[in-house]
Amino acid sequence: MTSGIAVNSLRHSDPDLVKAVIDHANTLVHVSNVYHSVPQIELAQRLVESSFADRVFLSTTGTETNEAAIKFA
């Protein structure tokens, strides 16, 4: 979900979005990819269930992603 610099694709002050941001801020905001977290595991499971893939690779930077894509190809 992305948009231009002057575009808001998520509405302004949507109550559900505000609650989700607050709820997430009360948990781990960032965990290094060296460690596993429940949201990370749940995301991986959902990606596998809804795609052709049987596993996923989560990375933290574009460079890391590009390097992995080259290695996996």
PDB file of N, CA and C in Angstrom:
ATOM      1  N   MET A   1       0.836  -1.174   0.000  1.00  0.00           N
ATOM      2  CA  MET A   1       0.000   0.000   0.000  1.00  0.00           C
ATOM      3  C   MET A   1       0.883   1.240   0.000  1.00  0.00           C
ATOM      4  N   THR A   2       1.036   1.826  -1.134  1.00  0.00           N
ATOM      5  CA  THR A   2       1.819   3.045  -1.231  1.00  0.00           C
ATOM      6  C   THR A   2       1.022   4.092  -1.972  1.00  0.00           C
ATOM      7  N   SER A   3       1.461   5.311  -1.874  1.00  0.00           N
ATOM      8  CA  SER A   3       0.810   6.400  -2.584  1.00  0.00           C
ATOM      9  C   SER A   3       1.830   7.490  -2.825  1.00  0.00           C
ATOM     10  N   GLY A   4       1.430   8.478  -3.592  1.00  0.00           N
ATOM     11  CA  GLY A   4       2.317   9.601  -3.861  1.00  0.00           C
ATOM     12  C   GLY A   4       2.554  10.434  -2.614  1.00  0.00           C
ATOM     13  N   ILE A   5       3.487  11.367  -2.717  1.00  0.00           N
ATOM     14  CA  ILE A   5       3.879  12.158  -1.558  1.00  0.00           C
ATOM     15  C   ILE A   5       2.727  13.015  -1.025  1.00  0.00           C
ATOM     16  N   ALA A   6       1.809  13.420  -1.888  1.00  0.00           N
ATOM     17  CA  ALA A   6       0.710  14.278  -1.448  1.00  0.00           C
ATOM     18  C   ALA A   6      -0.627  13.546  -1.457  1.00  0.00           C
ATOM     19  N   VAL A   7      -0.582  12.222  -1.428  1.00  0.00           N
ATOM     20  CA  VAL A   7      -1.801  11.424  -1.502  1.00  0.00           C
ATOM     21  C   VAL A   7      -1.914  10.548  -0.265  1.00  0.00           C
ATOM     22  N   ASN A   8      -3.099  10.484   0.306  1.00  0.00           N
ATOM     23  CA  ASN A   8      -3.336   9.625   1.463  1.00  0.00           C
ATOM     24  C   ASN A   8      -4.300   8.528   1.035  1.00  0.00           C
ATOM     25  N   SER A   9      -3.810   7.314   0.898  1.00  0.00           N
ATOM     26  CA  SER A   9      -4.655   6.206   0.445  1.00  0.00           C
ATOM     27  C   SER A   9      -5.368   5.504   1.596  1.00  0.00           C
ATOM     28  N   LEU A  10      -5.137   5.959   2.827  1.00  0.00           N
ATOM     29  CA  LEU A  10      -5.710   5.281   3.998  1.00  0.00           C
ATOM     30  C   LEU A  10      -6.755   6.122   4.730  1.00  0.00           C
ATOM     31  N   ARG A  11      -7.217   7.201   4.135  1.00  0.00           N
ATOM     32  CA  ARG A  11      -8.177   8.135   4.740  1.00  0.00           C
ATOM     33  C   ARG A  11      -7.516   8.891   5.884  1.00  0.00           C
ATOM     34  N   HIS A  12      -8.139   9.939   6.304  1.00  0.00           N
ATOM     35  CA  HIS A  12      -7.599  10.779   7.366  1.00  0.00           C
ATOM     36  C   HIS A  12      -8.227  10.395   8.699  1.00  0.00           C
ATOM     37  N   SER A  13      -7.402  10.009   9.645  1.00  0.00           N
ATOM     38  CA  SER A  13      -7.838   9.676  11.012  1.00  0.00           C
ATOM     39  C   SER A  13      -8.899   8.590  11.043  1.00  0.00           C
ATOM     40  N   ASP A  14      -8.785   7.615  10.174  1.00  0.00           N
ATOM     41  CA  ASP A  14      -9.714   6.493  10.190  1.00  0.00           C
ATOM     42  C   ASP A  14      -9.615   5.804  11.549  1.00  0.00           C
ATOM     43  N   PRO A  15     -10.732   5.636  12.273  1.00  0.00           N
ATOM     44  CA  PRO A  15     -10.684   5.066  13.627  1.00  0.00           C
ATOM     45  C   PRO A  15     -10.036   3.686  13.694  1.00  0.00           C
ATOM     46  N   ASP A  16     -10.311   2.829  12.720  1.00  0.00           N
ATOM     47  CA  ASP A  16      -9.709   1.491  12.730  1.00  0.00           C
ATOM     48  C   ASP A  16      -8.200   1.563  12.519  1.00  0.00           C
ATOM     49  N   LEU A  17      -7.769   2.442  11.623  1.00  0.00           N
ATOM     50  CA  LEU A  17      -6.340   2.602  11.373  1.00  0.00           C
ATOM     51  C   LEU A  17      -5.637   3.194  12.594  1.00  0.00           C
ATOM     52  N   VAL A  18      -6.245   4.209  13.205  1.00  0.00           N
ATOM     53  CA  VAL A  18      -5.664   4.819  14.408  1.00  0.00           C
ATOM     54  C   VAL A  18      -5.521   3.773  15.507  1.00  0.00           C
ATOM     55  N   LYS A  19      -6.557   2.949  15.715  1.00  0.00           N
ATOM     56  CA  LYS A  19      -6.491   1.912  16.744  1.00  0.00           C
ATOM     57  C   LYS A  19      -5.389   0.900  16.424  1.00  0.00           C
ATOM     58  N   ALA A  20      -5.272   0.509  15.157  1.00  0.00           N
ATOM     59  CA  ALA A  20      -4.238  -0.454  14.767  1.00  0.00           C
ATOM     60  C   ALA A  20      -2.841   0.105  15.017  1.00  0.00           C
ATOM     61  N   VAL A  21      -2.637   1.374  14.715  1.00  0.00           N
ATOM     62  CA  VAL A  21      -1.328   1.998  14.951  1.00  0.00           C
ATOM     63  C   VAL A  21      -1.026   2.056  16.437  1.00  0.00           C
ATOM     64  N   ILE A  22      -2.007   2.449  17.241  1.00  0.00           N
ATOM     65  CA  ILE A  22      -1.817   2.509  18.698  1.00  0.00           C
ATOM     66  C   ILE A  22      -1.542   1.120  19.255  1.00  0.00           C
ATOM     67  N   ASP A  23      -2.318   0.132  18.832  1.00  0.00           N
ATOM     68  CA  ASP A  23      -2.109  -1.239  19.313  1.00  0.00           C
ATOM     69  C   ASP A  23      -0.707  -1.732  18.958  1.00  0.00           C
ATOM     70  N   HIS A  24      -0.272  -1.448  17.741  1.00  0.00           N
ATOM     71  CA  HIS A  24       1.056  -1.907  17.332  1.00  0.00           C
ATOM     72  C   HIS A  24       2.153  -1.159  18.088  1.00  0.00           C
ATOM     73  N   ALA A  25       1.941   0.117  18.351  1.00  0.00           N
ATOM     74  CA  ALA A  25       2.946   0.893  19.084  1.00  0.00           C
ATOM     75  C   ALA A  25       3.131   0.359  20.500  1.00  0.00           C
ATOM     76  N   ASN A  26       2.138  -0.330  21.020  1.00  0.00           N
ATOM     77  CA  ASN A  26       2.235  -0.923  22.353  1.00  0.00           C
ATOM     78  C   ASN A  26       2.937  -2.278  22.340  1.00  0.00           C
ATOM     79  N   THR A  27       3.341  -2.742  21.165  1.00  0.00           N
ATOM     80  CA  THR A  27       4.077  -4.004  21.050  1.00  0.00           C
ATOM     81  C   THR A  27       5.468  -3.694  20.519  1.00  0.00           C
ATOM     82  N   LEU A  28       6.150  -4.696  20.038  1.00  0.00           N
ATOM     83  CA  LEU A  28       7.466  -4.482  19.457  1.00  0.00           C
ATOM     84  C   LEU A  28       7.330  -3.708  18.156  1.00  0.00           C
ATOM     85  N   VAL A  29       7.929  -2.551  18.091  1.00  0.00           N
ATOM     86  CA  VAL A  29       7.851  -1.749  16.876  1.00  0.00           C
ATOM     87  C   VAL A  29       8.794  -2.304  15.812  1.00  0.00           C
ATOM     88  N   HIS A  30       9.977  -2.726  16.228  1.00  0.00           N
ATOM     89  CA  HIS A  30      10.934  -3.280  15.279  1.00  0.00           C
ATOM     90  C   HIS A  30      11.749  -4.364  15.971  1.00  0.00           C
ATOM     91  N   VAL A  31      11.895  -5.464  15.298  1.00  0.00           N
ATOM     92  CA  VAL A  31      12.731  -6.551  15.788  1.00  0.00           C
ATOM     93  C   VAL A  31      13.691  -6.904  14.659  1.00  0.00           C
ATOM     94  N   SER A  32      14.940  -7.048  14.980  1.00  0.00           N
ATOM     95  CA  SER A  32      15.926  -7.437  13.975  1.00  0.00           C
ATOM     96  C   SER A  32      15.497  -8.746  13.331  1.00  0.00           C
ATOM     97  N   ASN A  33      15.833  -8.907  12.051  1.00  0.00           N
ATOM     98  CA  ASN A  33      15.478 -10.165  11.390  1.00  0.00           C
ATOM     99  C   ASN A  33      16.342 -11.328  11.869  1.00  0.00           C
ATOM    100  N   VAL A  34      17.247 -11.071  12.804  1.00  0.00           N
ATOM    101  CA  VAL A  34      18.023 -12.140  13.425  1.00  0.00           C
ATOM    102  C   VAL A  34      17.121 -12.947  14.362  1.00  0.00           C
ATOM    103  N   TYR A  35      16.092 -12.287  14.899  1.00  0.00           N
ATOM    104  CA  TYR A  35      15.171 -12.922  15.839  1.00  0.00           C
ATOM    105  C   TYR A  35      13.818 -13.128  15.170  1.00  0.00           C
ATOM    106  N   HIS A  36      13.079 -14.110  15.637  1.00  0.00           N
ATOM    107  CA  HIS A  36      11.736 -14.355  15.121  1.00  0.00           C
ATOM    108  C   HIS A  36      10.723 -13.663  16.012  1.00  0.00           C
ATOM    109  N   SER A  37       9.649 -13.177  15.404  1.00  0.00           N
ATOM    110  CA  SER A  37       8.561 -12.581  16.168  1.00  0.00           C
ATOM    111  C   SER A  37       7.250 -13.182  15.678  1.00  0.00           C
ATOM    112  N   VAL A  38       6.241 -13.153  16.509  1.00  0.00           N
ATOM    113  CA  VAL A  38       4.946 -13.747  16.149  1.00  0.00           C
ATOM    114  C   VAL A  38       4.369 -13.094  14.891  1.00  0.00           C
ATOM    115  N   PRO A  39       4.338 -11.757  14.775  1.00  0.00           N
ATOM    116  CA  PRO A  39       3.805 -11.177  13.537  1.00  0.00           C
ATOM    117  C   PRO A  39       4.580 -11.600  12.289  1.00  0.00           C
ATOM    118  N   GLN A  40       5.878 -11.749  12.414  1.00  0.00           N
ATOM    119  CA  GLN A  40       6.706 -12.174  11.287  1.00  0.00           C
ATOM    120  C   GLN A  40       6.328 -13.595  10.854  1.00  0.00           C
ATOM    121  N   ILE A  41       6.152 -14.470  11.812  1.00  0.00           N
ATOM    122  CA  ILE A  41       5.776 -15.858  11.523  1.00  0.00           C
ATOM    123  C   ILE A  41       4.378 -15.915  10.912  1.00  0.00           C
ATOM    124  N   GLU A  42       3.449 -15.138  11.469  1.00  0.00           N
ATOM    125  CA  GLU A  42       2.082 -15.115  10.940  1.00  0.00           C
ATOM    126  C   GLU A  42       2.057 -14.576   9.511  1.00  0.00           C
ATOM    127  N   LEU A  43       2.846 -13.540   9.242  1.00  0.00           N
ATOM    128  CA  LEU A  43       2.923 -13.000   7.884  1.00  0.00           C
ATOM    129  C   LEU A  43       3.452 -14.054   6.918  1.00  0.00           C
ATOM    130  N   ALA A  44       4.506 -14.737   7.297  1.00  0.00           N
ATOM    131  CA  ALA A  44       5.080 -15.775   6.436  1.00  0.00           C
ATOM    132  C   ALA A  44       4.053 -16.868   6.148  1.00  0.00           C
ATOM    133  N   GLN A  45       3.319 -17.283   7.167  1.00  0.00           N
ATOM    134  CA  GLN A  45       2.295 -18.320   6.972  1.00  0.00           C
ATOM    135  C   GLN A  45       1.212 -17.839   6.013  1.00  0.00           C
ATOM    136  N   ARG A  46       0.771 -16.592   6.178  1.00  0.00           N
ATOM    137  CA  ARG A  46      -0.275 -16.054   5.304  1.00  0.00           C
ATOM    138  C   ARG A  46       0.210 -15.929   3.859  1.00  0.00           C
ATOM    139  N   LEU A  47       1.466 -15.537   3.691  1.00  0.00           N
ATOM    140  CA  LEU A  47       2.014 -15.432   2.337  1.00  0.00           C
ATOM    141  C   LEU A  47       2.082 -16.796   1.659  1.00  0.00           C
ATOM    142  N   VAL A  48       2.496 -17.811   2.394  1.00  0.00           N
ATOM    143  CA  VAL A  48       2.574 -19.163   1.834  1.00  0.00           C
ATOM    144  C   VAL A  48       1.179 -19.675   1.495  1.00  0.00           C
ATOM    145  N   GLU A  49       0.230 -19.449   2.395  1.00  0.00           N
ATOM    146  CA  GLU A  49      -1.136 -19.939   2.173  1.00  0.00           C
ATOM    147  C   GLU A  49      -1.812 -19.270   0.982  1.00  0.00           C
ATOM    148  N   SER A  50      -1.446 -18.032   0.684  1.00  0.00           N
ATOM    149  CA  SER A  50      -2.150 -17.295  -0.366  1.00  0.00           C
ATOM    150  C   SER A  50      -1.342 -17.159  -1.661  1.00  0.00           C
ATOM    151  N   SER A  51      -0.267 -17.928  -1.783  1.00  0.00           N
ATOM    152  CA  SER A  51       0.540 -17.828  -2.997  1.00  0.00           C
ATOM    153  C   SER A  51       0.984 -19.212  -3.468  1.00  0.00           C
ATOM    154  N   PHE A  52       1.763 -19.206  -4.516  1.00  0.00           N
ATOM    155  CA  PHE A  52       2.299 -20.451  -5.067  1.00  0.00           C
ATOM    156  C   PHE A  52       3.492 -20.967  -4.269  1.00  0.00           C
ATOM    157  N   ALA A  53       4.090 -20.106  -3.449  1.00  0.00           N
ATOM    158  CA  ALA A  53       5.341 -20.447  -2.764  1.00  0.00           C
ATOM    159  C   ALA A  53       5.101 -21.356  -1.564  1.00  0.00           C
ATOM    160  N   ASP A  54       6.112 -22.141  -1.236  1.00  0.00           N
ATOM    161  CA  ASP A  54       6.012 -22.977  -0.045  1.00  0.00           C
ATOM    162  C   ASP A  54       6.896 -22.455   1.081  1.00  0.00           C
ATOM    163  N   ARG A  55       7.599 -21.338   0.834  1.00  0.00           N
ATOM    164  CA  ARG A  55       8.382 -20.674   1.871  1.00  0.00           C
ATOM    165  C   ARG A  55       8.622 -19.226   1.447  1.00  0.00           C
ATOM    166  N   VAL A  56       9.031 -18.411   2.395  1.00  0.00           N
ATOM    167  CA  VAL A  56       9.260 -16.995   2.120  1.00  0.00           C
ATOM    168  C   VAL A  56      10.615 -16.569   2.665  1.00  0.00           C
ATOM    169  N   PHE A  57      11.104 -15.467   2.149  1.00  0.00           N
ATOM    170  CA  PHE A  57      12.339 -14.857   2.638  1.00  0.00           C
ATOM    171  C   PHE A  57      12.005 -13.420   2.997  1.00  0.00           C
ATOM    172  N   LEU A  58      12.126 -13.076   4.263  1.00  0.00           N
ATOM    173  CA  LEU A  58      11.861 -11.714   4.712  1.00  0.00           C
ATOM    174  C   LEU A  58      13.193 -11.009   4.924  1.00  0.00           C
ATOM    175  N   SER A  59      13.307  -9.808   4.398  1.00  0.00           N
ATOM    176  CA  SER A  59      14.548  -9.056   4.547  1.00  0.00           C
ATOM    177  C   SER A  59      14.236  -7.655   5.051  1.00  0.00           C
ATOM    178  N   THR A  60      15.280  -6.918   5.379  1.00  0.00           N
ATOM    179  CA  THR A  60      15.073  -5.592   5.966  1.00  0.00           C
ATOM    180  C   THR A  60      15.485  -4.452   5.052  1.00  0.00           C
ATOM    181  N   THR A  61      16.206  -4.719   3.986  1.00  0.00           N
ATOM    182  CA  THR A  61      16.639  -3.649   3.091  1.00  0.00           C
ATOM    183  C   THR A  61      16.442  -4.059   1.643  1.00  0.00           C
ATOM    184  N   GLY A  62      16.382  -3.068   0.777  1.00  0.00           N
ATOM    185  CA  GLY A  62      16.273  -3.350  -0.644  1.00  0.00           C
ATOM    186  C   GLY A  62      17.494  -4.064  -1.182  1.00  0.00           C
ATOM    187  N   THR A  63      18.658  -3.673  -0.693  1.00  0.00           N
ATOM    188  CA  THR A  63      19.892  -4.322  -1.135  1.00  0.00           C
ATOM    189  C   THR A  63      19.887  -5.793  -0.769  1.00  0.00           C
ATOM    190  N   GLU A  64      19.504  -6.083   0.449  1.00  0.00           N
ATOM    191  CA  GLU A  64      19.432  -7.482   0.898  1.00  0.00           C
ATOM    192  C   GLU A  64      18.440  -8.263   0.042  1.00  0.00           C
ATOM    193  N   THR A  65      17.324  -7.640  -0.281  1.00  0.00           N
ATOM    194  CA  THR A  65      16.306  -8.282  -1.110  1.00  0.00           C
ATOM    195  C   THR A  65      16.839  -8.567  -2.509  1.00  0.00           C
ATOM    196  N   ASN A  66      17.504  -7.578  -3.111  1.00  0.00           N
ATOM    197  CA  ASN A  66      18.066  -7.770  -4.454  1.00  0.00           C
ATOM    198  C   ASN A  66      19.126  -8.861  -4.470  1.00  0.00           C
ATOM    199  N   GLU A  67      20.004  -8.863  -3.485  1.00  0.00           N
ATOM    200  CA  GLU A  67      21.038  -9.898  -3.417  1.00  0.00           C
ATOM    201  C   GLU A  67      20.414 -11.285  -3.285  1.00  0.00           C
ATOM    202  N   ALA A  68      19.383 -11.395  -2.459  1.00  0.00           N
ATOM    203  CA  ALA A  68      18.719 -12.687  -2.277  1.00  0.00           C
ATOM    204  C   ALA A  68      18.047 -13.128  -3.572  1.00  0.00           C
ATOM    205  N   ALA A  69      17.406 -12.194  -4.274  1.00  0.00           N
ATOM    206  CA  ALA A  69      16.736 -12.546  -5.531  1.00  0.00           C
ATOM    207  C   ALA A  69      17.732 -13.096  -6.541  1.00  0.00           C
ATOM    208  N   ILE A  70      18.908 -12.497  -6.598  1.00  0.00           N
ATOM    209  CA  ILE A  70      19.942 -12.982  -7.519  1.00  0.00           C
ATOM    210  C   ILE A  70      20.402 -14.377  -7.108  1.00  0.00           C
ATOM    211  N   LYS A  71      20.602 -14.579  -5.825  1.00  0.00           N
ATOM    212  CA  LYS A  71      21.056 -15.886  -5.342  1.00  0.00           C
ATOM    213  C   LYS A  71      19.996 -16.963  -5.539  1.00  0.00           C
ATOM    214  N   PHE A  72      18.718 -16.595  -5.363  1.00  0.00           N
ATOM    215  CA  PHE A  72      17.643 -17.570  -5.485  1.00  0.00           C
ATOM    216  C   PHE A  72      17.339 -17.911  -6.941  1.00  0.00           C
ATOM    217  N   ALA A  73      17.695 -17.034  -7.860  1.00  0.00           N
ATOM    218  CA  ALA A  73      17.338 -17.213  -9.283  1.00  0.00           C
ATOM    219  C   ALA A  73      18.097 -18.368  -9.908  1.00  0.00           C
TER     220      ALA A  73
END
